[in-house]
Amino acid sequence: MHAFDVLGDPVRRRILELLADGEQTSGALTGVIQQEFGISQPAVSQHLRVLRENGFALVRPEGTRRLYAVDSAGLQEVDMWLERFRGFWNRHLDALATELARGRHERRQAEAEEEKREDE
């Protein structure tokens, strides 16, 4: 299955968002997904299986629990595909960084001038 086919499903995207915050038990994931999407526990398990089998999630047993975490392997395919588009936003981000630096510099200058006036 292609990475975007996996990520095309909103339930799987939400599971990955939850996992991005750190390792989670299958029970915790199931609880959130059931509440937000109104689907059954077996349906959530199926989505977790798709994520595992396609390199987006790792699972490790801990006693009777299963702990899930993000597997970066699946995200690498997405990252490679996005690479050709980064130039579109990198220029804008670079321009934003320049403007932020300019604003900080101007603010420091204004503060220094204010302190100088107060000292006089």
Protein backbone atom coordinates (compact mmCIF):
# COMPACT_ATOMS: atom_id res chain seq x y z
CA MET A 1 0.00 0.00 0.00
CA HIS A 2 1.35 3.45 -0.90
CA ALA A 3 2.06 5.83 1.99
CA PHE A 4 -0.62 8.27 0.87
CA ASP A 5 -3.18 5.47 0.68
CA VAL A 6 -2.39 4.70 4.30
CA LEU A 7 -2.52 8.36 5.32
CA GLY A 8 -5.61 9.04 3.23
CA ASP A 9 -7.79 7.64 5.99
CA PRO A 10 -8.64 10.19 8.72
CA VAL A 11 -8.69 7.54 11.45
CA ARG A 12 -5.14 6.43 10.64
CA ARG A 13 -3.96 10.05 10.45
CA ARG A 14 -5.48 10.69 13.88
CA ILE A 15 -3.81 7.59 15.33
CA LEU A 16 -0.45 8.85 14.03
CA GLU A 17 -1.14 12.27 15.56
CA LEU A 18 -1.76 10.60 18.90
CA LEU A 19 1.39 8.52 18.57
CA ALA A 20 3.43 11.61 17.71
CA ASP A 21 2.92 12.66 21.34
CA GLY A 22 4.61 9.46 22.51
CA GLU A 23 4.08 5.76 22.97
CA GLN A 24 0.49 4.76 23.77
CA THR A 25 -1.33 1.60 24.73
CA SER A 26 -3.76 0.09 22.28
CA GLY A 27 -6.48 0.63 24.90
CA ALA A 28 -5.76 4.35 25.16
CA LEU A 29 -5.70 4.72 21.37
CA THR A 30 -8.90 2.73 21.02
CA GLY A 31 -10.66 4.86 23.62
CA VAL A 32 -9.83 8.13 21.86
CA ILE A 33 -10.61 6.82 18.37
CA GLN A 34 -13.91 5.26 19.46
CA GLN A 35 -14.96 8.52 21.07
CA GLU A 36 -13.93 10.71 18.14
CA PHE A 37 -15.00 8.47 15.25
CA GLY A 38 -17.61 6.18 16.78
CA ILE A 39 -16.04 3.00 15.43
CA SER A 40 -15.66 -0.38 17.13
CA GLN A 41 -12.57 -1.78 18.85
CA PRO A 42 -12.02 -4.33 16.04
CA ALA A 43 -12.12 -1.49 13.49
CA VAL A 44 -9.49 0.44 15.47
CA SER A 45 -7.37 -2.72 15.64
CA GLN A 46 -7.62 -3.05 11.86
CA HIS A 47 -6.36 0.53 11.40
CA LEU A 48 -3.48 -0.18 13.79
CA ARG A 49 -2.62 -3.29 11.78
CA VAL A 50 -2.55 -1.28 8.52
CA LEU A 51 -0.23 1.25 10.15
CA ARG A 52 2.06 -1.53 11.44
CA GLU A 53 2.18 -3.46 8.19
CA ASN A 54 2.99 -0.35 6.18
CA GLY A 55 5.81 0.92 8.37
CA PHE A 56 4.03 3.76 10.18
CA ALA A 57 3.68 2.19 13.63
CA LEU A 58 5.69 -0.10 15.86
CA VAL A 59 4.19 -2.31 18.53
CA ARG A 60 5.82 -3.90 21.52
CA PRO A 61 4.20 -6.16 24.06
CA GLU A 62 4.47 -5.24 27.72
CA GLY A 63 2.81 -7.92 29.80
CA THR A 64 -0.76 -8.12 28.59
CA ARG A 65 -0.64 -4.67 26.98
CA ARG A 66 0.49 -3.63 23.53
CA LEU A 67 2.33 -0.33 23.27
CA TYR A 68 2.34 1.53 19.96
CA ALA A 69 4.81 4.15 18.73
CA VAL A 70 5.51 5.97 15.47
CA ASP A 71 7.78 4.13 13.05
CA SER A 72 9.60 6.69 10.91
CA ALA A 73 10.08 4.24 8.02
CA GLY A 74 6.67 4.99 6.51
CA LEU A 75 7.15 8.71 6.99
CA GLN A 76 10.41 8.62 5.02
CA GLU A 77 8.46 7.85 1.85
CA VAL A 78 6.26 10.87 2.49
CA ASP A 79 9.33 13.00 3.25
CA MET A 80 10.99 11.99 -0.03
CA TRP A 81 7.84 12.85 -1.96
CA LEU A 82 7.58 16.25 -0.24
CA GLU A 83 11.22 17.08 -0.97
CA ARG A 84 10.41 18.38 -4.45
CA PHE A 85 7.90 20.85 -2.95
CA ARG A 86 10.00 22.21 -0.09
CA GLY A 87 11.36 25.02 -2.24
CA PHE A 88 7.89 26.52 -2.37
CA TRP A 89 7.72 27.08 1.36
CA ASN A 90 11.43 27.32 2.26
CA ARG A 91 11.70 30.71 0.54
CA HIS A 92 8.73 31.95 2.54
CA LEU A 93 10.13 30.55 5.77
CA ASP A 94 13.51 32.15 5.07
CA ALA A 95 11.80 35.49 4.42
CA LEU A 96 9.84 35.12 7.65
CA ALA A 97 13.03 34.38 9.58
CA THR A 98 14.62 37.52 8.12
CA GLU A 99 11.64 39.65 9.13
CA LEU A 100 11.60 38.19 12.65
CA ALA A 101 15.32 38.90 13.04
CA ARG A 102 14.81 42.44 11.75
CA GLY A 103 11.97 42.98 14.22
CA ARG A 104 14.08 41.70 17.14
CA HIS A 105 16.95 43.96 16.11
CA GLU A 106 14.67 47.01 15.84
CA ARG A 107 13.07 46.20 19.21
CA ARG A 108 16.50 45.95 20.88
CA GLN A 109 17.53 49.25 19.33
CA ALA A 110 14.35 50.95 20.53
CA GLU A 111 14.83 49.53 24.05
CA ALA A 112 18.45 50.72 24.10
CA GLU A 113 17.41 54.20 22.98
CA GLU A 114 14.67 54.30 25.63
CA GLU A 115 17.15 53.29 28.36
CA LYS A 116 19.58 55.96 27.12
CA ARG A 117 16.84 58.66 27.32
CA GLU A 118 15.91 57.52 30.82
CA ASP A 119 19.53 57.73 31.97
CA GLU A 120 19.90 61.32 30.73
